[in-house]
Amino acid sequence: MATAATTQTDAVPEELSAGTTFSPLAGPALIAGAVLLIIAAAIGVSTGSAAHFWHAYLLNFVYVASFVIGGLFFTLACHLFGAYWATSIRRLAEIVASAMPVIILLFVPIAVFVMNDDTGALYPWSDRAATADDPVLAAKMDYLAPNWFVIRAAIIFSIWWFASRIMVKGSLKVDKTGSVATLRGLARWSGPLMALFALSLNVAAFDWMMSLDPIWFSTMFGVYYWAGSVMGFLALLTLMIHLLQSRGMVTQSVRIEQRHDIAKLMFAMVIFWGYVTFSQFMLIWYANVPEETKWYADRGANSPFGISSMTGWLFITHLLIPFLGFMSKRIRRTPGLMAAWAAYLLAVHWYDHYYIVMPTLNVTYDFTENTPGSAPPFVLEALCLGGMLLVLIGAIARGTSRKWLVPIKDPRMREALTYVNH
């Protein structure tokens, strides 16, 4: 529980220096990321592993996009619920959300490939001849069509770009004017935008990941992706704050109280992700319908490193270990330990997306020798991961240009700087 303290703490103007500190890194990071992605594509083509490359590309796209999606959700939630405690960290979420145009650009190659692929190399339903011969898939052909896939993606990204643009532009306006009317306008926008966000996120999760196995379906899948995205963003936010404070920035405006609340939210999302994931698994296991259980069977038969069950390891690494690891208040209020746990969660968050995407390729890695006509083990995944992360880092660094790292004239800053947890 948070209450206001009796003392007043003022923000310091050091946060504006972030633009000159980090924005010069944007160009090199974006270029290096693009180069790694091009190298991955070249290896995929030259080794006859085009399908493997596109799965690796999609895997890391949905992973990196989840941070921007989580940042947008956090920004909308701050205005929707009037979360005064988060006022001093909201700008960091806005900077992450403002990377949405770069995420859109990263999706363009997927859209172009799907429009021109008739072999089902990434999505089986893009092979229209095979789809027409399957009675189950034939009923879904009108929805699972390349043209509609791209149109839906365009609508989804339009909603997300518009929402991020409205929130960021309005927040920056308040930095200049201190207008309470503008903040109230953002609060009014946040309600309908949150509803559109929820609907569009479900469609995106269904289209981009669930349709990799078009026979299988789960009505909980959109919530599953959302829970992981929010958790991943909170882990990224924890590391961003740790990095900034290690460089002498936001040391007074982001206090241990905010860091503790971020840790509590991150812990809550770990538990909620576990609840949704287990609920989905339990219902499918209990019903024992072959079309549904196959999805989990595929994730037991093609596990890397000789692991017998990807599902079992996902529960252990994504739920049980972090649940026991930072359930203690003492750990959640220790910045260094929480930074380490945040890094760990980012790693298992990637494994979660690997678990979703890569088994649909039926990849079984043999570390003794490479299969002829295939890329070396995990090379494409690593190159795409490095490329996507560099692009995201470049976009975030560019987003710090000419911005305060805290909304300096937001009237709720006083409460954010004085409340304490009990």
Protein backbone atom coordinates (compact mmCIF):
# COMPACT_ATOMS: atom_id res chain seq x y z
CA MET A 1 0.00 0.00 0.00
CA ALA A 2 1.30 3.46 -0.87
CA THR A 3 0.72 6.65 1.09
CA ALA A 4 2.04 10.18 0.73
CA ALA A 5 5.00 11.13 2.87
CA THR A 6 5.23 14.44 4.67
CA THR A 7 8.40 15.66 3.00
CA GLN A 8 8.79 17.16 -0.45
CA THR A 9 11.42 15.93 -2.88
CA ASP A 10 12.06 17.86 -6.07
CA ALA A 11 13.10 16.35 -9.39
CA VAL A 12 16.50 17.34 -10.71
CA PRO A 13 17.02 18.52 -14.32
CA GLU A 14 19.68 15.91 -15.14
CA GLU A 15 17.24 13.81 -17.19
CA LEU A 16 17.43 16.00 -20.30
CA SER A 17 21.05 14.94 -20.84
CA ALA A 18 19.90 11.46 -21.83
CA GLY A 19 19.25 12.65 -25.39
CA THR A 20 22.86 13.69 -25.97
CA THR A 21 24.12 10.61 -24.12
CA PHE A 22 22.14 7.91 -25.92
CA SER A 23 20.73 9.30 -29.19
CA PRO A 24 24.16 9.14 -30.97
CA LEU A 25 24.00 5.36 -30.45
CA ALA A 26 20.78 5.07 -32.45
CA GLY A 27 22.27 5.14 -35.95
CA PRO A 28 25.06 2.59 -35.36
CA ALA A 29 22.70 0.24 -33.49
CA LEU A 30 20.07 0.37 -36.24
CA ILE A 31 22.67 -0.23 -38.96
CA ALA A 32 24.35 -3.08 -37.06
CA GLY A 33 20.97 -4.70 -36.42
CA ALA A 34 20.03 -4.48 -40.09
CA VAL A 35 23.38 -6.02 -41.09
CA LEU A 36 22.88 -8.99 -38.75
CA LEU A 37 19.41 -9.61 -40.16
CA ILE A 38 20.76 -9.49 -43.72
CA ILE A 39 23.52 -11.95 -42.80
CA ALA A 40 20.93 -14.29 -41.29
CA ALA A 41 18.84 -14.09 -44.47
CA ALA A 42 21.91 -14.79 -46.61
CA ILE A 43 22.81 -17.85 -44.53
CA GLY A 44 19.23 -19.08 -44.71
CA VAL A 45 19.14 -18.81 -48.51
CA SER A 46 22.65 -20.18 -49.11
CA THR A 47 22.08 -23.26 -46.92
CA GLY A 48 18.61 -24.01 -48.25
CA SER A 49 17.10 -23.05 -44.89
CA ALA A 50 14.69 -20.33 -45.95
CA ALA A 51 11.87 -21.77 -43.84
CA HIS A 52 14.20 -21.94 -40.85
CA PHE A 53 15.20 -18.30 -41.35
CA TRP A 54 11.61 -17.09 -41.50
CA HIS A 55 10.72 -18.97 -38.34
CA ALA A 56 13.76 -17.50 -36.59
CA TYR A 57 12.83 -14.04 -37.90
CA LEU A 58 9.23 -14.36 -36.71
CA LEU A 59 10.36 -15.73 -33.34
CA ASN A 60 12.51 -12.71 -32.63
CA PHE A 61 10.06 -10.25 -34.16
CA VAL A 62 7.25 -11.24 -31.77
CA TYR A 63 9.80 -11.23 -28.92
CA VAL A 64 11.02 -7.69 -29.59
CA ALA A 65 7.53 -6.44 -30.48
CA SER A 66 6.30 -7.66 -27.08
CA PHE A 67 8.37 -4.97 -25.32
CA VAL A 68 6.87 -2.18 -27.38
CA ILE A 69 3.40 -3.65 -26.91
CA GLY A 70 4.01 -3.83 -23.16
CA GLY A 71 5.24 -0.23 -23.12
CA LEU A 72 2.11 0.94 -24.91
CA PHE A 73 -0.13 -0.96 -22.49
CA PHE A 74 1.69 0.49 -19.47
CA THR A 75 1.33 4.02 -20.85
CA LEU A 76 -2.39 3.60 -21.51
CA ALA A 77 -2.90 2.02 -18.07
CA CYS A 78 -1.15 4.90 -16.30
CA HIS A 79 -3.63 7.40 -17.77
CA LEU A 80 -6.65 5.10 -17.54
CA PHE A 81 -6.18 4.39 -13.83
CA GLY A 82 -4.59 7.70 -12.82
CA ALA A 83 -1.54 5.89 -11.45
CA TYR A 84 0.28 8.77 -9.76
CA TRP A 85 3.01 6.50 -8.39
CA ALA A 86 4.11 5.69 -11.96
CA THR A 87 4.26 9.29 -13.17
CA SER A 88 8.04 9.51 -12.90
CA ILE A 89 8.58 6.27 -14.86
CA ARG A 90 5.83 6.78 -17.45
CA ARG A 91 8.15 8.66 -19.84
CA LEU A 92 10.40 5.60 -20.13
CA ALA A 93 7.37 3.53 -21.13
CA GLU A 94 6.44 6.21 -23.67
CA ILE A 95 9.94 6.08 -25.16
CA VAL A 96 9.65 2.31 -25.60
CA ALA A 97 6.14 2.65 -27.06
CA SER A 98 7.39 5.31 -29.50
CA ALA A 99 9.51 2.58 -31.15
CA MET A 100 6.30 1.33 -32.80
CA PRO A 101 7.24 2.62 -36.32
CA VAL A 102 10.42 0.51 -36.22
CA ILE A 103 8.38 -2.56 -35.21
CA ILE A 104 6.11 -1.90 -38.18
CA LEU A 105 9.12 -1.78 -40.50
CA LEU A 106 10.38 -5.08 -39.08
CA PHE A 107 7.03 -6.67 -39.91
CA VAL A 108 7.14 -5.58 -43.57
CA PRO A 109 9.43 -8.48 -44.68
CA ILE A 110 7.01 -10.96 -43.08
CA ALA A 111 4.06 -9.39 -44.89
CA VAL A 112 5.89 -9.40 -48.24
CA PHE A 113 6.98 -13.02 -47.80
CA VAL A 114 3.49 -14.23 -46.86
CA MET A 115 1.98 -12.44 -49.86
CA ASN A 116 4.40 -14.21 -52.20
CA ASP A 117 4.80 -17.61 -50.53
CA ASP A 118 2.73 -20.47 -51.91
CA THR A 119 4.73 -23.28 -50.29
CA GLY A 120 3.66 -22.88 -46.66
CA ALA A 121 7.28 -22.30 -45.57
CA LEU A 122 6.19 -20.11 -42.65
CA TYR A 123 2.41 -20.39 -42.39
CA PRO A 124 0.96 -23.69 -43.68
CA TRP A 125 -2.22 -21.95 -44.81
CA SER A 126 -0.28 -19.90 -47.38
CA ASP A 127 -0.10 -23.12 -49.43
CA ARG A 128 -3.60 -22.69 -50.82
CA ALA A 129 -3.66 -26.00 -52.71
CA ALA A 130 -2.87 -28.05 -49.60
CA THR A 131 -5.29 -25.99 -47.52
CA ALA A 132 -8.14 -26.62 -49.95
CA ASP A 133 -7.65 -30.39 -49.61
CA ASP A 134 -7.98 -30.31 -45.82
CA PRO A 135 -11.64 -30.18 -44.70
CA VAL A 136 -10.77 -28.41 -41.44
CA LEU A 137 -8.52 -25.79 -43.02
CA ALA A 138 -10.83 -25.31 -45.99
CA ALA A 139 -13.42 -23.83 -43.63
CA LYS A 140 -10.83 -21.28 -42.47
CA MET A 141 -9.52 -20.28 -45.89
CA ASP A 142 -11.49 -17.05 -46.08
CA TYR A 143 -9.91 -15.82 -42.84
CA LEU A 144 -6.46 -17.39 -43.26
CA ALA A 145 -5.71 -15.75 -46.56
CA PRO A 146 -2.51 -13.77 -47.32
CA ASN A 147 -4.39 -10.64 -48.38
CA TRP A 148 -6.53 -10.55 -45.25
CA PHE A 149 -3.51 -11.39 -43.09
CA VAL A 150 -1.73 -8.27 -44.32
CA ILE A 151 -4.87 -6.10 -44.13
CA ARG A 152 -5.48 -7.14 -40.52
CA ALA A 153 -1.84 -6.43 -39.67
CA ALA A 154 -2.15 -2.97 -41.23
CA ILE A 155 -5.24 -2.24 -39.10
CA ILE A 156 -3.54 -3.57 -35.96
CA PHE A 157 -0.43 -1.46 -36.47
CA SER A 158 -2.53 1.60 -37.32
CA ILE A 159 -4.30 1.29 -33.97
CA TRP A 160 -1.05 0.82 -32.07
CA TRP A 161 0.76 3.62 -33.88
CA PHE A 162 -2.16 6.01 -33.35
CA ALA A 163 -2.40 5.12 -29.66
CA SER A 164 1.33 5.57 -29.07
CA ARG A 165 1.34 8.81 -31.05
CA ILE A 166 -1.56 10.30 -29.08
CA MET A 167 -0.09 9.33 -25.70
CA VAL A 168 3.48 10.45 -26.40
CA LYS A 169 2.57 13.68 -28.16
CA GLY A 170 0.15 14.68 -25.40
CA SER A 171 2.68 13.88 -22.66
CA LEU A 172 5.38 15.96 -24.35
CA LYS A 173 2.92 18.83 -24.70
CA VAL A 174 2.38 18.77 -20.93
CA ASP A 175 6.16 19.13 -20.49
CA LYS A 176 5.87 22.56 -22.12
CA THR A 177 2.51 23.78 -20.86
CA GLY A 178 1.75 21.85 -17.68
CA SER A 179 -1.84 21.69 -18.92
CA VAL A 180 -4.18 19.69 -16.72
CA ALA A 181 -6.73 19.77 -19.56
CA THR A 182 -4.29 17.89 -21.78
CA LEU A 183 -3.82 15.22 -19.11
CA ARG A 184 -7.58 14.87 -18.76
CA GLY A 185 -7.81 14.50 -22.53
CA LEU A 186 -5.25 11.70 -22.43
CA ALA A 187 -7.27 10.00 -19.69
CA ARG A 188 -10.39 10.19 -21.88
CA TRP A 189 -8.51 8.78 -24.86
CA SER A 190 -7.04 5.93 -22.81
CA GLY A 191 -10.38 4.14 -22.31
CA PRO A 192 -11.39 3.55 -25.94
CA LEU A 193 -7.75 3.08 -26.98
CA MET A 194 -7.33 0.38 -24.32
CA ALA A 195 -10.40 -1.44 -25.67
CA LEU A 196 -9.03 -1.27 -29.23
CA PHE A 197 -5.62 -2.34 -27.96
CA ALA A 198 -7.08 -5.44 -26.26
CA LEU A 199 -9.02 -6.49 -29.35
CA SER A 200 -6.17 -5.88 -31.78
CA LEU A 201 -3.63 -7.67 -29.56
CA ASN A 202 -5.77 -10.81 -29.55
CA VAL A 203 -6.05 -10.73 -33.35
CA ALA A 204 -2.29 -10.20 -33.66
CA ALA A 205 -1.53 -13.17 -31.38
CA PHE A 206 -3.95 -15.38 -33.31
CA ASP A 207 -2.60 -14.33 -36.71
CA TRP A 208 1.14 -14.18 -36.08
CA MET A 209 1.67 -17.14 -33.75
CA MET A 210 -1.38 -19.35 -33.27
CA SER A 211 -1.95 -19.69 -37.02
CA LEU A 212 1.50 -21.31 -37.36
CA ASP A 213 -0.48 -24.45 -36.52
CA PRO A 214 -3.83 -23.60 -38.15
CA ILE A 215 -5.55 -26.73 -36.85
CA TRP A 216 -4.88 -25.88 -33.21
CA PHE A 217 -6.66 -23.05 -31.41
CA SER A 218 -6.99 -21.56 -27.94
CA THR A 219 -9.24 -18.67 -26.93
CA MET A 220 -6.74 -17.86 -24.17
CA PHE A 221 -3.82 -17.35 -26.50
CA GLY A 222 -4.18 -13.57 -26.78
CA VAL A 223 -4.15 -13.19 -22.99
CA TYR A 224 -1.16 -15.55 -22.86
CA TYR A 225 0.80 -13.27 -25.20
CA TRP A 226 -0.33 -10.14 -23.36
CA ALA A 227 0.79 -11.47 -19.96
CA GLY A 228 4.23 -12.31 -21.31
CA SER A 229 4.51 -8.95 -23.07
CA VAL A 230 3.74 -6.93 -19.92
CA MET A 231 6.13 -9.04 -17.86
CA GLY A 232 8.85 -8.64 -20.49
CA PHE A 233 8.36 -4.87 -20.64
CA LEU A 234 8.56 -4.55 -16.85
CA ALA A 235 11.82 -6.53 -16.89
CA LEU A 236 13.15 -4.24 -19.64
CA LEU A 237 12.01 -1.18 -17.66
CA THR A 238 13.87 -2.45 -14.60
CA LEU A 239 17.09 -2.78 -16.61
CA MET A 240 16.61 0.65 -18.22
CA ILE A 241 16.24 2.31 -14.82
CA HIS A 242 19.25 0.39 -13.48
CA LEU A 243 21.36 1.54 -16.44
CA LEU A 244 20.24 5.17 -16.18
CA GLN A 245 20.84 5.36 -12.45
CA SER A 246 24.27 3.79 -12.84
CA ARG A 247 25.05 6.78 -15.08
CA GLY A 248 23.73 9.30 -12.57
CA MET A 249 20.33 9.86 -14.20
CA VAL A 250 16.82 9.69 -12.68
CA THR A 251 18.39 9.06 -9.30
CA GLN A 252 15.91 11.26 -7.44
CA SER A 253 12.86 11.07 -9.69
CA VAL A 254 12.79 7.25 -9.74
CA ARG A 255 13.06 6.10 -6.15
CA ILE A 256 13.21 2.71 -4.49
CA GLU A 257 9.44 2.94 -4.07
CA GLN A 258 8.89 2.95 -7.84
CA ARG A 259 11.40 0.17 -8.32
CA HIS A 260 9.65 -1.88 -5.65
CA ASP A 261 6.27 -1.35 -7.32
CA ILE A 262 7.68 -2.37 -10.70
CA ALA A 263 9.05 -5.53 -9.07
CA LYS A 264 5.66 -6.27 -7.50
CA LEU A 265 3.93 -5.85 -10.85
CA MET A 266 6.54 -8.05 -12.52
CA PHE A 267 5.99 -10.72 -9.86
CA ALA A 268 2.22 -10.45 -10.38
CA MET A 269 2.61 -10.92 -14.14
CA VAL A 270 4.81 -13.99 -13.59
CA ILE A 271 1.99 -15.50 -11.51
CA PHE A 272 -0.72 -14.43 -13.96
CA TRP A 273 1.24 -15.83 -16.91
CA GLY A 274 1.53 -19.11 -14.99
CA TYR A 275 -2.20 -19.13 -14.27
CA VAL A 276 -3.14 -18.56 -17.93
CA THR A 277 -0.57 -21.05 -19.21
CA PHE A 278 -1.62 -23.79 -16.81
CA SER A 279 -5.32 -23.15 -17.46
CA GLN A 280 -4.77 -23.53 -21.20
CA PHE A 281 -2.73 -26.71 -20.71
CA MET A 282 -5.11 -28.27 -18.18
CA LEU A 283 -8.23 -27.79 -20.33
CA ILE A 284 -6.55 -29.27 -23.40
CA TRP A 285 -5.08 -32.18 -21.41
CA TYR A 286 -8.43 -32.91 -19.75
CA ALA A 287 -10.44 -32.82 -23.00
CA ASN A 288 -7.79 -34.94 -24.78
CA VAL A 289 -8.89 -33.88 -28.28
CA PRO A 290 -6.21 -34.99 -30.80
CA GLU A 291 -6.31 -31.71 -32.76
CA GLU A 292 -5.53 -29.81 -29.55
CA THR A 293 -3.12 -32.18 -27.77
CA LYS A 294 -0.91 -32.36 -30.88
CA TRP A 295 0.30 -28.81 -30.13
CA TYR A 296 1.77 -29.97 -26.82
CA ALA A 297 3.01 -33.25 -28.27
CA ASP A 298 5.06 -31.29 -30.82
CA ARG A 299 6.67 -29.41 -27.95
CA GLY A 300 7.77 -32.62 -26.31
CA ALA A 301 9.12 -34.44 -29.34
CA ASN A 302 11.36 -31.71 -30.79
CA SER A 303 13.05 -30.26 -27.73
CA PRO A 304 16.62 -28.94 -28.03
CA PHE A 305 19.48 -30.01 -25.74
CA GLY A 306 17.89 -33.43 -25.20
CA ILE A 307 15.17 -31.98 -22.96
CA SER A 308 12.22 -34.36 -22.91
CA SER A 309 9.51 -31.76 -22.48
CA MET A 310 9.70 -28.09 -23.46
CA THR A 311 6.41 -27.52 -21.63
CA GLY A 312 7.76 -28.83 -18.34
CA TRP A 313 10.90 -26.72 -18.57
CA LEU A 314 8.83 -23.68 -19.48
CA PHE A 315 6.81 -24.01 -16.26
CA ILE A 316 9.96 -24.50 -14.20
CA THR A 317 11.99 -21.64 -15.67
CA HIS A 318 9.19 -19.14 -16.34
CA LEU A 319 7.07 -19.68 -13.23
CA LEU A 320 8.55 -21.74 -10.40
CA ILE A 321 12.10 -20.32 -10.35
CA PRO A 322 11.12 -16.62 -10.46
CA PHE A 323 8.22 -17.27 -8.08
CA LEU A 324 10.62 -18.56 -5.45
CA GLY A 325 13.40 -16.21 -6.50
CA PHE A 326 11.94 -12.77 -5.82
CA MET A 327 8.82 -13.28 -3.78
CA SER A 328 10.70 -11.74 -0.84
CA LYS A 329 10.16 -8.03 -0.23
CA ARG A 330 13.83 -7.66 0.68
CA ILE A 331 14.88 -8.91 -2.77
CA ARG A 332 12.31 -6.74 -4.55
CA ARG A 333 13.73 -3.67 -2.79
CA THR A 334 17.34 -4.52 -3.71
CA PRO A 335 18.06 -2.88 -7.12
CA GLY A 336 21.03 -5.06 -8.05
CA LEU A 337 19.22 -8.31 -7.35
CA MET A 338 16.11 -7.19 -9.24
CA ALA A 339 18.24 -6.17 -12.21
CA ALA A 340 19.64 -9.72 -12.27
CA TRP A 341 16.15 -11.21 -12.05
CA ALA A 342 14.97 -8.88 -14.82
CA ALA A 343 17.77 -10.15 -17.08
CA TYR A 344 16.77 -13.71 -16.24
CA LEU A 345 13.12 -13.02 -17.10
CA LEU A 346 14.11 -11.53 -20.45
CA ALA A 347 15.94 -14.79 -21.22
CA VAL A 348 13.01 -17.05 -20.29
CA HIS A 349 10.65 -14.66 -22.10
CA TRP A 350 12.64 -15.44 -25.26
CA TYR A 351 12.41 -19.15 -24.51
CA ASP A 352 8.65 -18.75 -24.21
CA HIS A 353 8.50 -17.40 -27.78
CA TYR A 354 10.87 -20.10 -28.99
CA TYR A 355 8.48 -22.62 -27.44
CA ILE A 356 5.60 -21.13 -29.44
CA VAL A 357 7.25 -20.61 -32.84
CA MET A 358 10.09 -23.01 -33.54
CA PRO A 359 8.42 -26.41 -32.95
CA THR A 360 6.14 -25.65 -35.90
CA LEU A 361 9.27 -25.99 -38.06
CA ASN A 362 9.93 -29.43 -36.53
CA VAL A 363 13.56 -28.57 -35.87
CA THR A 364 15.60 -31.27 -34.14
CA TYR A 365 19.17 -30.16 -33.51
CA ASP A 366 22.06 -32.58 -33.79
CA PHE A 367 25.17 -31.03 -32.26
CA THR A 368 27.54 -33.68 -33.61
CA GLU A 369 27.21 -32.66 -37.24
CA ASN A 370 25.15 -30.36 -39.37
CA THR A 371 22.45 -31.83 -41.55
CA PRO A 372 23.22 -31.23 -45.25
CA GLY A 373 21.23 -28.33 -46.61
CA SER A 374 20.60 -26.72 -43.23
CA ALA A 375 22.03 -23.85 -41.21
CA PRO A 376 24.27 -24.54 -38.17
CA PRO A 377 22.36 -25.05 -34.91
CA PHE A 378 20.90 -21.85 -33.43
CA VAL A 379 22.93 -19.58 -35.74
CA LEU A 380 19.87 -18.12 -37.46
CA GLU A 381 18.06 -17.68 -34.15
CA ALA A 382 21.08 -15.94 -32.61
CA LEU A 383 21.66 -13.63 -35.58
CA CYS A 384 18.00 -12.64 -35.75
CA LEU A 385 17.89 -12.10 -31.99
CA GLY A 386 20.98 -9.89 -32.06
CA GLY A 387 19.71 -7.97 -35.07
CA MET A 388 16.25 -7.37 -33.62
CA LEU A 389 17.60 -6.32 -30.21
CA LEU A 390 20.03 -3.87 -31.80
CA VAL A 391 17.22 -2.37 -33.85
CA LEU A 392 15.09 -2.02 -30.69
CA ILE A 393 17.99 -0.46 -28.77
CA GLY A 394 18.56 1.96 -31.64
CA ALA A 395 14.88 2.92 -31.69
CA ILE A 396 14.81 3.46 -27.91
CA ALA A 397 18.03 5.49 -28.01
CA ARG A 398 16.57 7.62 -30.79
CA GLY A 399 13.44 8.09 -28.69
CA THR A 400 15.43 9.81 -25.92
CA SER A 401 16.35 12.71 -28.22
CA ARG A 402 15.12 16.11 -26.98
CA LYS A 403 12.99 14.57 -24.24
CA TRP A 404 13.03 14.78 -20.48
CA LEU A 405 13.16 11.31 -18.99
CA VAL A 406 10.41 12.33 -16.57
CA PRO A 407 7.24 14.36 -17.28
CA ILE A 408 8.56 17.41 -15.44
CA LYS A 409 5.33 19.46 -15.40
CA ASP A 410 2.87 16.70 -14.69
CA PRO A 411 1.09 17.79 -11.48
CA ARG A 412 1.14 14.20 -10.23
CA MET A 413 4.94 14.26 -10.01
CA ARG A 414 4.77 15.56 -6.45
CA GLU A 415 2.85 12.50 -5.31
CA ALA A 416 5.19 10.22 -7.27
CA LEU A 417 8.17 11.75 -5.49
CA THR A 418 6.76 11.56 -1.97
CA TYR A 419 4.72 8.37 -1.56
CA VAL A 420 6.04 5.38 0.36
CA ASN A 421 5.19 1.67 0.34
CA HIS A 422 4.06 -0.19 3.45
